[in-house]
Amino acid sequence: MAKKRKKKNIRAYIMLFVCMLIFSSVTFLSDIPEPAKDKPVISEQLNVEAEPEMIYISDNVAGDDIEEEEAIPEEEYIFSLSYPLEGEITEKFSGDVPVFSKTLGDWRVHNGIDIKSELLDRVYASEKGIVEKVYEDNLMGKTIIIDHGNGYKTVYSNLSSTEMVDNGEEVEKGRIISGVGDTALAEASVEPHIHFQVIKDGISVNPEEHIN
């Protein structure tokens, strides 16, 4: 009987040992970490999907140089005048070409036109403007300058009077400003006329190019 009990106890210890061995093995296996799995690449900005890079192709496939559009020029100001009086043009604008002066006996440029008329015939403003200066020139006699804006001025010389308009006065086109005189010493040998001049930005230009 004692031997049988001893065998049973040995079996019980063996079974207990086996159970403890199995339990420790299971615990050891459960503590082993799982191998790392490949994680998807996440954009640095949360909840924003990375946009694919866009490739832009020029319409100029042939590689030709692209021409810039030419700027449309602004409409040029047209300075249109009337004759300051009726009459024949006896001396034209010479520009940079000197012409012989009968009175002074030398060669010099003629910076305006001479319009033949009778003494005291009326002289009119060829365009509206503001009287800039009324004075008597040593060579060209009694003179009136009218400023028309946009760099344009008209000059009337060899006049009979400087008393019909004042400096700073606004005059309309066709306003009588004086009469034909004989006050220009530089053109004293010439028959009665007025010397008419057009100035653009300080430079004398041909009056006939602006008279319609």
N, C-alpha and C. Protein backbone atom coordinates (compact mmCIF):
# COMPACT_ATOMS: atom_id res chain seq x y z
N MET A 1 0.84 -1.20 0.00
CA MET A 1 0.00 0.00 0.00
C MET A 1 0.86 1.23 0.00
N ALA A 2 1.93 1.22 0.78
CA ALA A 2 2.83 2.37 0.87
C ALA A 2 3.50 2.63 -0.46
N LYS A 3 3.82 1.63 -1.20
CA LYS A 3 4.45 1.81 -2.51
C LYS A 3 3.49 2.42 -3.52
N LYS A 4 2.25 1.99 -3.46
CA LYS A 4 1.26 2.54 -4.40
C LYS A 4 1.07 4.03 -4.16
N ARG A 5 0.98 4.43 -2.91
CA ARG A 5 0.80 5.86 -2.59
C ARG A 5 2.01 6.66 -3.06
N LYS A 6 3.17 6.10 -2.89
CA LYS A 6 4.38 6.80 -3.29
C LYS A 6 4.40 7.02 -4.79
N LYS A 7 3.95 6.03 -5.55
CA LYS A 7 3.88 6.17 -7.01
C LYS A 7 2.89 7.24 -7.42
N LYS A 8 1.76 7.29 -6.71
CA LYS A 8 0.75 8.32 -7.03
C LYS A 8 1.30 9.72 -6.77
N ASN A 9 2.03 9.86 -5.67
CA ASN A 9 2.60 11.19 -5.36
C ASN A 9 3.62 11.61 -6.42
N ILE A 10 4.40 10.65 -6.85
CA ILE A 10 5.40 10.97 -7.89
C ILE A 10 4.71 11.43 -9.17
N ARG A 11 3.64 10.70 -9.51
CA ARG A 11 2.88 11.09 -10.72
C ARG A 11 2.29 12.50 -10.57
N ALA A 12 1.78 12.79 -9.39
CA ALA A 12 1.17 14.12 -9.15
C ALA A 12 2.22 15.20 -9.28
N TYR A 13 3.42 14.94 -8.73
CA TYR A 13 4.48 15.96 -8.85
C TYR A 13 4.89 16.16 -10.32
N ILE A 14 4.94 15.04 -11.02
CA ILE A 14 5.32 15.15 -12.45
C ILE A 14 4.29 15.97 -13.21
N MET A 15 3.02 15.67 -12.95
CA MET A 15 1.94 16.41 -13.63
C MET A 15 2.01 17.89 -13.28
N LEU A 16 2.27 18.21 -12.01
CA LEU A 16 2.34 19.60 -11.58
C LEU A 16 3.51 20.31 -12.25
N PHE A 17 4.64 19.56 -12.34
CA PHE A 17 5.81 20.14 -12.99
C PHE A 17 5.57 20.43 -14.47
N VAL A 18 4.89 19.47 -15.12
CA VAL A 18 4.58 19.65 -16.55
C VAL A 18 3.66 20.84 -16.74
N CYS A 19 2.64 20.98 -15.85
CA CYS A 19 1.70 22.11 -15.96
C CYS A 19 2.42 23.44 -15.78
N MET A 20 3.33 23.48 -14.80
CA MET A 20 4.06 24.73 -14.56
C MET A 20 4.96 25.06 -15.75
N LEU A 21 5.55 24.02 -16.35
CA LEU A 21 6.42 24.23 -17.51
C LEU A 21 5.63 24.78 -18.69
N ILE A 22 4.43 24.20 -18.89
CA ILE A 22 3.57 24.68 -20.00
C ILE A 22 3.14 26.13 -19.77
N PHE A 23 2.77 26.44 -18.52
CA PHE A 23 2.29 27.78 -18.20
C PHE A 23 3.40 28.82 -18.41
N SER A 24 4.61 28.48 -17.97
CA SER A 24 5.72 29.43 -18.14
C SER A 24 6.06 29.62 -19.61
N SER A 25 5.93 28.54 -20.40
CA SER A 25 6.22 28.66 -21.84
C SER A 25 5.22 29.60 -22.53
N VAL A 26 3.93 29.45 -22.17
CA VAL A 26 2.90 30.31 -22.77
C VAL A 26 3.14 31.76 -22.40
N THR A 27 3.50 32.00 -21.14
CA THR A 27 3.74 33.38 -20.69
C THR A 27 4.92 33.98 -21.42
N PHE A 28 5.95 33.21 -21.62
CA PHE A 28 7.15 33.71 -22.31
C PHE A 28 6.86 34.08 -23.75
N LEU A 29 6.07 33.24 -24.43
CA LEU A 29 5.75 33.49 -25.83
C LEU A 29 4.87 34.72 -26.00
N SER A 30 3.98 34.96 -25.03
CA SER A 30 3.08 36.11 -25.14
C SER A 30 3.83 37.43 -24.96
N ASP A 31 4.98 37.39 -24.27
CA ASP A 31 5.75 38.63 -24.05
C ASP A 31 6.62 38.99 -25.25
N ILE A 32 6.76 38.12 -26.21
CA ILE A 32 7.60 38.44 -27.40
C ILE A 32 6.84 39.42 -28.28
N PRO A 33 7.43 40.65 -28.61
CA PRO A 33 6.72 41.64 -29.46
C PRO A 33 6.55 41.14 -30.87
N GLU A 34 5.45 41.61 -31.48
CA GLU A 34 5.18 41.24 -32.88
C GLU A 34 6.15 41.97 -33.79
N PRO A 35 6.53 41.38 -34.86
CA PRO A 35 7.44 42.06 -35.81
C PRO A 35 6.77 43.29 -36.40
N ALA A 36 7.60 44.39 -36.63
CA ALA A 36 7.07 45.65 -37.16
C ALA A 36 6.54 45.48 -38.56
N LYS A 37 5.37 46.06 -38.79
CA LYS A 37 4.74 45.99 -40.10
C LYS A 37 5.03 47.29 -40.85
N ASP A 38 5.07 47.22 -42.17
CA ASP A 38 5.30 48.43 -42.97
C ASP A 38 4.13 49.38 -42.79
N LYS A 39 4.47 50.59 -42.39
CA LYS A 39 3.43 51.60 -42.19
C LYS A 39 3.34 52.50 -43.42
N PRO A 40 2.15 52.93 -43.76
CA PRO A 40 2.00 53.83 -44.92
C PRO A 40 2.61 55.19 -44.62
N VAL A 41 3.15 55.87 -45.68
CA VAL A 41 3.72 57.20 -45.55
C VAL A 41 2.59 58.20 -45.37
N ILE A 42 2.70 58.98 -44.29
CA ILE A 42 1.66 59.95 -43.97
C ILE A 42 2.19 61.35 -44.23
N SER A 43 1.39 62.20 -44.86
CA SER A 43 1.79 63.58 -45.14
C SER A 43 2.04 64.32 -43.85
N GLU A 44 2.96 65.28 -43.89
CA GLU A 44 3.28 66.05 -42.70
C GLU A 44 2.07 66.82 -42.20
N GLN A 45 1.22 67.25 -43.09
CA GLN A 45 0.00 67.94 -42.69
C GLN A 45 -1.11 66.92 -42.48
N LEU A 46 -1.71 66.92 -41.31
CA LEU A 46 -2.75 65.95 -40.98
C LEU A 46 -3.96 66.15 -41.86
N ASN A 47 -4.57 65.03 -42.21
CA ASN A 47 -5.82 65.03 -42.99
C ASN A 47 -5.67 65.70 -44.35
N VAL A 48 -4.43 65.81 -44.85
CA VAL A 48 -4.22 66.41 -46.17
C VAL A 48 -3.46 65.41 -47.01
N GLU A 49 -4.04 65.05 -48.11
CA GLU A 49 -3.39 64.11 -48.99
C GLU A 49 -2.36 64.86 -49.83
N ALA A 50 -1.21 64.26 -50.01
CA ALA A 50 -0.17 64.90 -50.80
C ALA A 50 -0.63 64.97 -52.25
N GLU A 51 -0.54 66.21 -52.83
CA GLU A 51 -0.97 66.40 -54.22
C GLU A 51 0.15 65.97 -55.16
N PRO A 52 -0.19 65.35 -56.26
CA PRO A 52 0.84 64.95 -57.23
C PRO A 52 1.43 66.18 -57.90
N GLU A 53 2.70 66.14 -58.23
CA GLU A 53 3.37 67.26 -58.90
C GLU A 53 2.81 67.42 -60.30
N MET A 54 2.43 68.66 -60.64
CA MET A 54 1.84 68.95 -61.94
C MET A 54 2.94 69.38 -62.91
N ILE A 55 2.90 68.88 -64.09
CA ILE A 55 3.86 69.24 -65.13
C ILE A 55 3.12 70.07 -66.17
N TYR A 56 3.58 71.32 -66.38
CA TYR A 56 2.92 72.22 -67.31
C TYR A 56 3.71 72.26 -68.62
N ILE A 57 2.99 72.13 -69.69
CA ILE A 57 3.61 72.13 -71.01
C ILE A 57 3.21 73.41 -71.73
N SER A 58 4.20 74.16 -72.23
CA SER A 58 3.92 75.42 -72.91
C SER A 58 3.19 75.17 -74.20
N ASP A 59 2.29 76.13 -74.54
CA ASP A 59 1.59 76.04 -75.83
C ASP A 59 2.55 76.28 -76.98
N ASN A 60 3.67 76.94 -76.67
CA ASN A 60 4.64 77.26 -77.71
C ASN A 60 5.52 76.05 -77.96
N VAL A 61 4.91 75.00 -78.56
CA VAL A 61 5.60 73.73 -78.74
C VAL A 61 6.80 73.87 -79.65
N ALA A 62 6.66 74.74 -80.65
CA ALA A 62 7.73 74.87 -81.63
C ALA A 62 8.92 75.63 -81.09
N GLY A 63 8.78 76.25 -79.92
CA GLY A 63 9.89 76.98 -79.34
C GLY A 63 10.09 78.35 -79.92
N ASP A 64 9.09 78.87 -80.65
CA ASP A 64 9.21 80.20 -81.22
C ASP A 64 9.19 81.25 -80.13
N ASP A 65 9.89 82.34 -80.35
CA ASP A 65 9.89 83.43 -79.40
C ASP A 65 8.51 84.05 -79.32
N ILE A 66 8.06 84.36 -78.12
CA ILE A 66 6.75 84.95 -77.92
C ILE A 66 6.87 86.46 -78.09
N GLU A 67 6.14 87.02 -79.01
CA GLU A 67 6.20 88.45 -79.27
C GLU A 67 5.26 89.18 -78.33
N GLU A 68 5.76 90.25 -77.72
CA GLU A 68 4.93 91.05 -76.84
C GLU A 68 3.96 91.88 -77.66
N GLU A 69 2.76 92.07 -77.12
CA GLU A 69 1.77 92.87 -77.82
C GLU A 69 2.22 94.32 -77.82
N GLU A 70 2.12 94.95 -78.97
CA GLU A 70 2.49 96.35 -79.07
C GLU A 70 1.46 97.20 -78.37
N ALA A 71 1.97 98.17 -77.59
CA ALA A 71 1.07 99.08 -76.89
C ALA A 71 0.37 99.97 -77.89
N ILE A 72 -0.92 100.12 -77.72
CA ILE A 72 -1.69 100.98 -78.61
C ILE A 72 -1.40 102.43 -78.25
N PRO A 73 -0.85 103.19 -79.18
CA PRO A 73 -0.52 104.58 -78.85
C PRO A 73 -1.77 105.39 -78.58
N GLU A 74 -1.64 106.37 -77.66
CA GLU A 74 -2.76 107.25 -77.39
C GLU A 74 -3.00 108.17 -78.59
N GLU A 75 -4.23 108.56 -78.74
CA GLU A 75 -4.58 109.43 -79.84
C GLU A 75 -3.87 110.77 -79.67
N GLU A 76 -3.16 111.19 -80.73
CA GLU A 76 -2.40 112.42 -80.66
C GLU A 76 -3.33 113.63 -80.68
N TYR A 77 -2.91 114.63 -79.92
CA TYR A 77 -3.67 115.87 -79.87
C TYR A 77 -3.51 116.61 -81.19
N ILE A 78 -4.62 117.01 -81.79
CA ILE A 78 -4.59 117.72 -83.07
C ILE A 78 -4.82 119.20 -82.80
N PHE A 79 -3.82 120.01 -83.10
CA PHE A 79 -3.90 121.46 -82.91
C PHE A 79 -4.33 122.09 -84.22
N SER A 80 -5.58 122.51 -84.27
CA SER A 80 -6.17 123.04 -85.50
C SER A 80 -6.42 124.53 -85.36
N LEU A 81 -5.94 125.29 -86.34
CA LEU A 81 -6.03 126.75 -86.31
C LEU A 81 -6.81 127.29 -87.49
N SER A 82 -7.26 128.52 -87.32
CA SER A 82 -7.81 129.31 -88.43
C SER A 82 -6.80 130.40 -88.77
N TYR A 83 -6.88 130.94 -89.97
CA TYR A 83 -6.02 132.06 -90.32
C TYR A 83 -6.37 133.26 -89.44
N PRO A 84 -5.37 133.98 -88.97
CA PRO A 84 -5.66 135.16 -88.15
C PRO A 84 -6.28 136.32 -88.94
N LEU A 85 -6.19 136.24 -90.25
CA LEU A 85 -6.86 137.19 -91.14
C LEU A 85 -6.76 136.65 -92.56
N GLU A 86 -7.55 137.21 -93.45
CA GLU A 86 -7.50 136.79 -94.84
C GLU A 86 -6.40 137.55 -95.57
N GLY A 87 -5.70 136.84 -96.42
CA GLY A 87 -4.64 137.49 -97.19
C GLY A 87 -3.68 136.49 -97.79
N GLU A 88 -2.82 136.97 -98.66
CA GLU A 88 -1.85 136.14 -99.34
C GLU A 88 -0.61 135.94 -98.47
N ILE A 89 -0.10 134.72 -98.48
CA ILE A 89 1.14 134.44 -97.75
C ILE A 89 2.30 134.86 -98.64
N THR A 90 2.99 135.91 -98.22
CA THR A 90 4.09 136.45 -99.03
C THR A 90 5.45 135.90 -98.62
N GLU A 91 5.57 135.40 -97.43
CA GLU A 91 6.82 134.80 -96.97
C GLU A 91 6.49 133.57 -96.15
N LYS A 92 7.03 132.42 -96.55
CA LYS A 92 6.72 131.16 -95.89
C LYS A 92 7.69 130.86 -94.75
N PHE A 93 7.33 129.86 -93.98
CA PHE A 93 8.18 129.36 -92.89
C PHE A 93 9.39 128.68 -93.50
N SER A 94 10.59 129.02 -93.04
CA SER A 94 11.80 128.47 -93.65
C SER A 94 12.45 127.36 -92.83
N GLY A 95 11.97 127.14 -91.61
CA GLY A 95 12.59 126.11 -90.78
C GLY A 95 14.02 126.47 -90.44
N ASP A 96 14.93 125.54 -90.71
CA ASP A 96 16.34 125.78 -90.41
C ASP A 96 17.10 126.40 -91.59
N VAL A 97 16.40 126.67 -92.67
CA VAL A 97 17.05 127.21 -93.87
C VAL A 97 17.03 128.73 -93.84
N PRO A 98 18.17 129.39 -93.86
CA PRO A 98 18.19 130.86 -93.85
C PRO A 98 17.66 131.43 -95.17
N VAL A 99 16.97 132.55 -95.06
CA VAL A 99 16.48 133.29 -96.24
C VAL A 99 17.00 134.73 -96.13
N PHE A 100 17.06 135.37 -97.27
CA PHE A 100 17.60 136.73 -97.28
C PHE A 100 16.55 137.73 -96.81
N SER A 101 16.94 138.60 -95.88
CA SER A 101 16.06 139.65 -95.37
C SER A 101 16.31 140.93 -96.16
N LYS A 102 15.28 141.44 -96.84
CA LYS A 102 15.42 142.67 -97.62
C LYS A 102 15.68 143.86 -96.71
N THR A 103 15.05 143.84 -95.55
CA THR A 103 15.19 144.98 -94.63
C THR A 103 16.55 145.01 -93.95
N LEU A 104 16.98 143.88 -93.41
CA LEU A 104 18.22 143.82 -92.64
C LEU A 104 19.43 143.53 -93.52
N GLY A 105 19.18 143.05 -94.76
CA GLY A 105 20.28 142.82 -95.70
C GLY A 105 21.16 141.66 -95.30
N ASP A 106 20.61 140.65 -94.60
CA ASP A 106 21.40 139.47 -94.24
C ASP A 106 20.55 138.22 -94.39
N TRP A 107 21.20 137.08 -94.10
CA TRP A 107 20.51 135.80 -94.19
C TRP A 107 20.13 135.34 -92.79
N ARG A 108 18.87 134.95 -92.62
CA ARG A 108 18.39 134.47 -91.33
C ARG A 108 17.15 133.60 -91.55
N VAL A 109 16.86 132.77 -90.58
CA VAL A 109 15.68 131.89 -90.71
C VAL A 109 14.41 132.72 -90.52
N HIS A 110 13.37 132.30 -91.19
CA HIS A 110 12.05 132.96 -91.05
C HIS A 110 11.16 132.01 -90.26
N ASN A 111 10.91 132.34 -88.97
CA ASN A 111 10.28 131.39 -88.04
C ASN A 111 8.75 131.44 -88.06
N GLY A 112 8.18 132.09 -89.05
CA GLY A 112 6.72 132.13 -89.17
C GLY A 112 6.31 132.36 -90.61
N ILE A 113 5.11 132.85 -90.81
CA ILE A 113 4.65 133.22 -92.15
C ILE A 113 4.19 134.68 -92.12
N ASP A 114 4.37 135.36 -93.26
CA ASP A 114 3.88 136.73 -93.41
C ASP A 114 2.61 136.70 -94.24
N ILE A 115 1.55 137.28 -93.70
CA ILE A 115 0.26 137.31 -94.39
C ILE A 115 -0.03 138.76 -94.79
N LYS A 116 -0.10 138.97 -96.09
CA LYS A 116 -0.31 140.31 -96.65
C LYS A 116 -1.74 140.79 -96.40
N SER A 117 -1.88 142.05 -96.06
CA SER A 117 -3.20 142.65 -95.85
C SER A 117 -3.08 144.17 -95.91
N GLU A 118 -4.15 144.85 -95.60
CA GLU A 118 -4.14 146.31 -95.57
C GLU A 118 -3.93 146.78 -94.13
N LEU A 119 -3.36 147.97 -93.99
CA LEU A 119 -3.16 148.54 -92.67
C LEU A 119 -4.48 148.63 -91.92
N LEU A 120 -4.45 148.28 -90.66
CA LEU A 120 -5.57 148.33 -89.73
C LEU A 120 -6.65 147.27 -90.00
N ASP A 121 -6.39 146.34 -90.94
CA ASP A 121 -7.32 145.21 -91.08
C ASP A 121 -7.35 144.42 -89.77
N ARG A 122 -8.48 143.86 -89.44
CA ARG A 122 -8.64 143.17 -88.16
C ARG A 122 -7.81 141.87 -88.11
N VAL A 123 -7.26 141.64 -86.94
CA VAL A 123 -6.50 140.41 -86.67
C VAL A 123 -7.25 139.63 -85.61
N TYR A 124 -7.48 138.34 -85.87
CA TYR A 124 -8.30 137.49 -84.99
C TYR A 124 -7.44 136.43 -84.31
N ALA A 125 -7.88 136.03 -83.13
CA ALA A 125 -7.24 134.89 -82.46
C ALA A 125 -7.52 133.63 -83.27
N SER A 126 -6.48 132.92 -83.64
CA SER A 126 -6.64 131.74 -84.50
C SER A 126 -7.16 130.53 -83.75
N GLU A 127 -7.16 130.58 -82.41
CA GLU A 127 -7.68 129.51 -81.56
C GLU A 127 -7.88 130.08 -80.16
N LYS A 128 -8.80 129.48 -79.41
CA LYS A 128 -9.03 129.98 -78.05
C LYS A 128 -7.80 129.71 -77.18
N GLY A 129 -7.63 130.58 -76.20
CA GLY A 129 -6.49 130.42 -75.30
C GLY A 129 -6.43 131.58 -74.31
N ILE A 130 -5.30 131.67 -73.66
CA ILE A 130 -5.08 132.72 -72.66
C ILE A 130 -3.92 133.60 -73.12
N VAL A 131 -4.14 134.90 -73.10
CA VAL A 131 -3.10 135.84 -73.52
C VAL A 131 -1.95 135.75 -72.52
N GLU A 132 -0.80 135.34 -73.03
CA GLU A 132 0.38 135.17 -72.17
C GLU A 132 1.16 136.46 -72.04
N LYS A 133 1.28 137.19 -73.14
CA LYS A 133 2.11 138.40 -73.11
C LYS A 133 1.68 139.37 -74.19
N VAL A 134 1.62 140.63 -73.84
CA VAL A 134 1.36 141.72 -74.77
C VAL A 134 2.51 142.71 -74.61
N TYR A 135 3.27 142.92 -75.68
CA TYR A 135 4.47 143.76 -75.55
C TYR A 135 4.89 144.30 -76.91
N GLU A 136 5.92 145.13 -76.91
CA GLU A 136 6.48 145.66 -78.15
C GLU A 136 7.91 145.17 -78.28
N ASP A 137 8.14 144.36 -79.32
CA ASP A 137 9.46 143.78 -79.58
C ASP A 137 10.31 144.78 -80.37
N ASN A 138 11.62 144.78 -80.09
CA ASN A 138 12.51 145.74 -80.75
C ASN A 138 12.57 145.56 -82.26
N LEU A 139 12.47 144.31 -82.71
CA LEU A 139 12.54 144.03 -84.15
C LEU A 139 11.18 143.76 -84.77
N MET A 140 10.31 143.01 -84.05
CA MET A 140 9.04 142.57 -84.64
C MET A 140 7.87 143.47 -84.28
N GLY A 141 8.10 144.54 -83.55
CA GLY A 141 7.05 145.50 -83.27
C GLY A 141 6.06 145.01 -82.22
N LYS A 142 4.85 145.55 -82.28
CA LYS A 142 3.82 145.19 -81.30
C LYS A 142 3.41 143.73 -81.50
N THR A 143 3.46 143.00 -80.38
CA THR A 143 3.31 141.54 -80.45
C THR A 143 2.37 141.04 -79.36
N ILE A 144 1.60 140.00 -79.70
CA ILE A 144 0.72 139.33 -78.74
C ILE A 144 1.02 137.84 -78.81
N ILE A 145 1.19 137.22 -77.63
CA ILE A 145 1.39 135.77 -77.55
C ILE A 145 0.19 135.16 -76.81
N ILE A 146 -0.39 134.12 -77.41
CA ILE A 146 -1.53 133.42 -76.80
C ILE A 146 -1.13 131.97 -76.54
N ASP A 147 -1.36 131.54 -75.31
CA ASP A 147 -1.07 130.16 -74.91
C ASP A 147 -2.34 129.33 -75.08
N HIS A 148 -2.23 128.24 -75.87
CA HIS A 148 -3.39 127.39 -76.16
C HIS A 148 -3.34 126.06 -75.41
N GLY A 149 -2.35 125.86 -74.58
CA GLY A 149 -2.22 124.60 -73.85
C GLY A 149 -1.58 123.52 -74.71
N ASN A 150 -1.25 122.40 -74.08
CA ASN A 150 -0.60 121.26 -74.75
C ASN A 150 0.71 121.66 -75.42
N GLY A 151 1.35 122.69 -74.90
CA GLY A 151 2.64 123.12 -75.43
C GLY A 151 2.56 124.04 -76.63
N TYR A 152 1.34 124.41 -77.05
CA TYR A 152 1.17 125.24 -78.25
C TYR A 152 0.94 126.70 -77.89
N LYS A 153 1.59 127.58 -78.66
CA LYS A 153 1.38 129.02 -78.55
C LYS A 153 1.34 129.63 -79.94
N THR A 154 0.61 130.73 -80.09
CA THR A 154 0.62 131.49 -81.35
C THR A 154 1.15 132.89 -81.05
N VAL A 155 1.88 133.42 -82.03
CA VAL A 155 2.50 134.74 -81.88
C VAL A 155 2.07 135.61 -83.05
N TYR A 156 1.57 136.81 -82.75
CA TYR A 156 1.11 137.75 -83.77
C TYR A 156 1.97 139.00 -83.65
N SER A 157 2.72 139.32 -84.72
CA SER A 157 3.64 140.47 -84.67
C SER A 157 3.34 141.45 -85.80
N ASN A 158 3.96 142.65 -85.69
CA ASN A 158 3.74 143.77 -86.62
C ASN A 158 2.29 144.26 -86.54
N LEU A 159 1.78 144.31 -85.30
CA LEU A 159 0.40 144.74 -85.07
C LEU A 159 0.30 146.26 -84.93
N SER A 160 -0.93 146.72 -85.00
CA SER A 160 -1.16 148.17 -84.88
C SER A 160 -1.40 148.59 -83.44
N SER A 161 -1.85 147.66 -82.58
CA SER A 161 -2.21 148.03 -81.21
C SER A 161 -1.99 146.87 -80.26
N THR A 162 -1.70 147.19 -79.01
CA THR A 162 -1.59 146.20 -77.95
C THR A 162 -2.59 146.49 -76.84
N GLU A 163 -3.61 147.27 -77.16
CA GLU A 163 -4.55 147.73 -76.13
C GLU A 163 -5.89 147.00 -76.16
N MET A 164 -6.06 146.04 -77.05
CA MET A 164 -7.36 145.38 -77.18
C MET A 164 -7.48 144.13 -76.31
N VAL A 165 -6.35 143.61 -75.82
CA VAL A 165 -6.36 142.46 -74.91
C VAL A 165 -5.34 142.71 -73.81
N ASP A 166 -5.51 142.01 -72.69
CA ASP A 166 -4.60 142.17 -71.56
C ASP A 166 -3.93 140.84 -71.22
N ASN A 167 -2.81 140.92 -70.55
CA ASN A 167 -2.13 139.71 -70.07
C ASN A 167 -3.05 138.91 -69.16
N GLY A 168 -3.11 137.60 -69.39
CA GLY A 168 -3.93 136.72 -68.57
C GLY A 168 -5.38 136.64 -68.99
N GLU A 169 -5.76 137.39 -70.00
CA GLU A 169 -7.16 137.39 -70.46
C GLU A 169 -7.44 136.15 -71.31
N GLU A 170 -8.60 135.56 -71.10
CA GLU A 170 -9.01 134.41 -71.91
C GLU A 170 -9.74 134.90 -73.14
N VAL A 171 -9.32 134.40 -74.30
CA VAL A 171 -9.93 134.83 -75.57
C VAL A 171 -10.47 133.61 -76.30
N GLU A 172 -11.55 133.81 -77.01
CA GLU A 172 -12.15 132.75 -77.82
C GLU A 172 -11.60 132.80 -79.23
N LYS A 173 -11.73 131.69 -79.92
CA LYS A 173 -11.31 131.63 -81.32
C LYS A 173 -12.15 132.61 -82.14
N GLY A 174 -11.48 133.44 -82.94
CA GLY A 174 -12.18 134.44 -83.76
C GLY A 174 -12.32 135.79 -83.08
N ARG A 175 -11.84 135.92 -81.86
CA ARG A 175 -11.89 137.21 -81.15
C ARG A 175 -10.93 138.19 -81.80
N ILE A 176 -11.36 139.43 -82.01
CA ILE A 176 -10.47 140.48 -82.53
C ILE A 176 -9.46 140.85 -81.44
N ILE A 177 -8.19 140.76 -81.77
CA ILE A 177 -7.16 141.05 -80.77
C ILE A 177 -6.34 142.29 -81.14
N SER A 178 -6.32 142.68 -82.43
CA SER A 178 -5.57 143.86 -82.86
C SER A 178 -5.84 144.14 -84.34
N GLY A 179 -4.99 144.96 -84.95
CA GLY A 179 -5.09 145.25 -86.38
C GLY A 179 -3.72 145.16 -87.02
N VAL A 180 -3.70 145.15 -88.33
CA VAL A 180 -2.44 145.10 -89.07
C VAL A 180 -1.72 146.43 -88.91
N GLY A 181 -0.43 146.37 -88.59
CA GLY A 181 0.34 147.59 -88.40
C GLY A 181 1.59 147.63 -89.25
N ASP A 182 2.48 148.56 -88.92
CA ASP A 182 3.78 148.68 -89.58
C ASP A 182 4.84 148.95 -88.53
N THR A 183 4.77 148.20 -87.44
CA THR A 183 5.64 148.44 -86.28
C THR A 183 6.88 147.56 -86.24
N ALA A 184 7.00 146.59 -87.18
CA ALA A 184 8.14 145.67 -87.17
C ALA A 184 9.30 146.27 -87.95
N LEU A 185 10.33 146.72 -87.25
CA LEU A 185 11.48 147.32 -87.92
C LEU A 185 12.23 146.29 -88.76
N ALA A 186 12.19 145.02 -88.35
CA ALA A 186 12.91 143.98 -89.09
C ALA A 186 12.26 143.68 -90.43
N GLU A 187 11.01 144.11 -90.63
CA GLU A 187 10.31 143.84 -91.89
C GLU A 187 9.68 145.14 -92.44
N ALA A 188 10.37 146.23 -92.20
CA ALA A 188 9.83 147.53 -92.58
C ALA A 188 9.74 147.72 -94.09
N SER A 189 10.62 147.04 -94.85
CA SER A 189 10.61 147.20 -96.30
C SER A 189 9.56 146.32 -96.97
N VAL A 190 8.86 145.53 -96.20
CA VAL A 190 7.85 144.61 -96.74
C VAL A 190 6.49 145.32 -96.68
N GLU A 191 5.65 145.05 -97.67
CA GLU A 191 4.30 145.64 -97.70
C GLU A 191 3.51 145.24 -96.46
N PRO A 192 2.42 145.96 -96.10
CA PRO A 192 1.66 145.70 -94.87
C PRO A 192 1.29 144.22 -94.73
N HIS A 193 1.50 143.69 -93.55
CA HIS A 193 1.27 142.27 -93.28
C HIS A 193 1.33 142.04 -91.77
N ILE A 194 1.00 140.83 -91.36
CA ILE A 194 1.31 140.42 -89.99
C ILE A 194 2.26 139.22 -90.06
N HIS A 195 3.10 139.15 -89.08
CA HIS A 195 4.01 138.00 -88.96
C HIS A 195 3.36 137.04 -87.96
N PHE A 196 3.01 135.84 -88.45
CA PHE A 196 2.27 134.86 -87.64
C PHE A 196 3.17 133.66 -87.38
N GLN A 197 3.25 133.30 -86.12
CA GLN A 197 4.18 132.24 -85.70
C GLN A 197 3.46 131.24 -84.80
N VAL A 198 3.82 129.94 -84.93
CA VAL A 198 3.31 128.89 -84.05
C VAL A 198 4.49 128.24 -83.34
N ILE A 199 4.36 128.09 -82.02
CA ILE A 199 5.42 127.51 -81.20
C ILE A 199 4.88 126.25 -80.53
N LYS A 200 5.65 125.17 -80.60
CA LYS A 200 5.32 123.92 -79.94
C LYS A 200 6.47 123.54 -79.02
N ASP A 201 6.18 123.52 -77.70
CA ASP A 201 7.20 123.17 -76.70
C ASP A 201 8.46 124.01 -76.87
N GLY A 202 8.28 125.31 -77.13
CA GLY A 202 9.41 126.23 -77.22
C GLY A 202 10.10 126.27 -78.56
N ILE A 203 9.62 125.52 -79.54
CA ILE A 203 10.25 125.46 -80.86
C ILE A 203 9.26 125.93 -81.92
N SER A 204 9.72 126.79 -82.82
CA SER A 204 8.87 127.29 -83.90
C SER A 204 8.59 126.17 -84.90
N VAL A 205 7.32 126.02 -85.28
CA VAL A 205 6.91 125.02 -86.27
C VAL A 205 6.16 125.73 -87.39
N ASN A 206 5.93 125.02 -88.47
CA ASN A 206 5.27 125.60 -89.63
C ASN A 206 3.79 125.84 -89.35
N PRO A 207 3.32 127.10 -89.33
CA PRO A 207 1.90 127.37 -89.05
C PRO A 207 0.96 126.72 -90.06
N GLU A 208 1.40 126.60 -91.31
CA GLU A 208 0.50 126.07 -92.35
C GLU A 208 0.14 124.61 -92.11
N GLU A 209 0.96 123.90 -91.32
CA GLU A 209 0.65 122.50 -91.03
C GLU A 209 -0.49 122.38 -90.02
N HIS A 210 -0.87 123.46 -89.38
CA HIS A 210 -1.92 123.43 -88.37
C HIS A 210 -3.16 124.25 -88.76
N ILE A 211 -3.10 124.90 -89.91
CA ILE A 211 -4.25 125.70 -90.35
C ILE A 211 -5.13 124.86 -91.26
N ASN A 212 -6.45 124.82 -90.92
CA ASN A 212 -7.37 124.03 -91.74
C ASN A 212 -8.14 124.93 -92.68
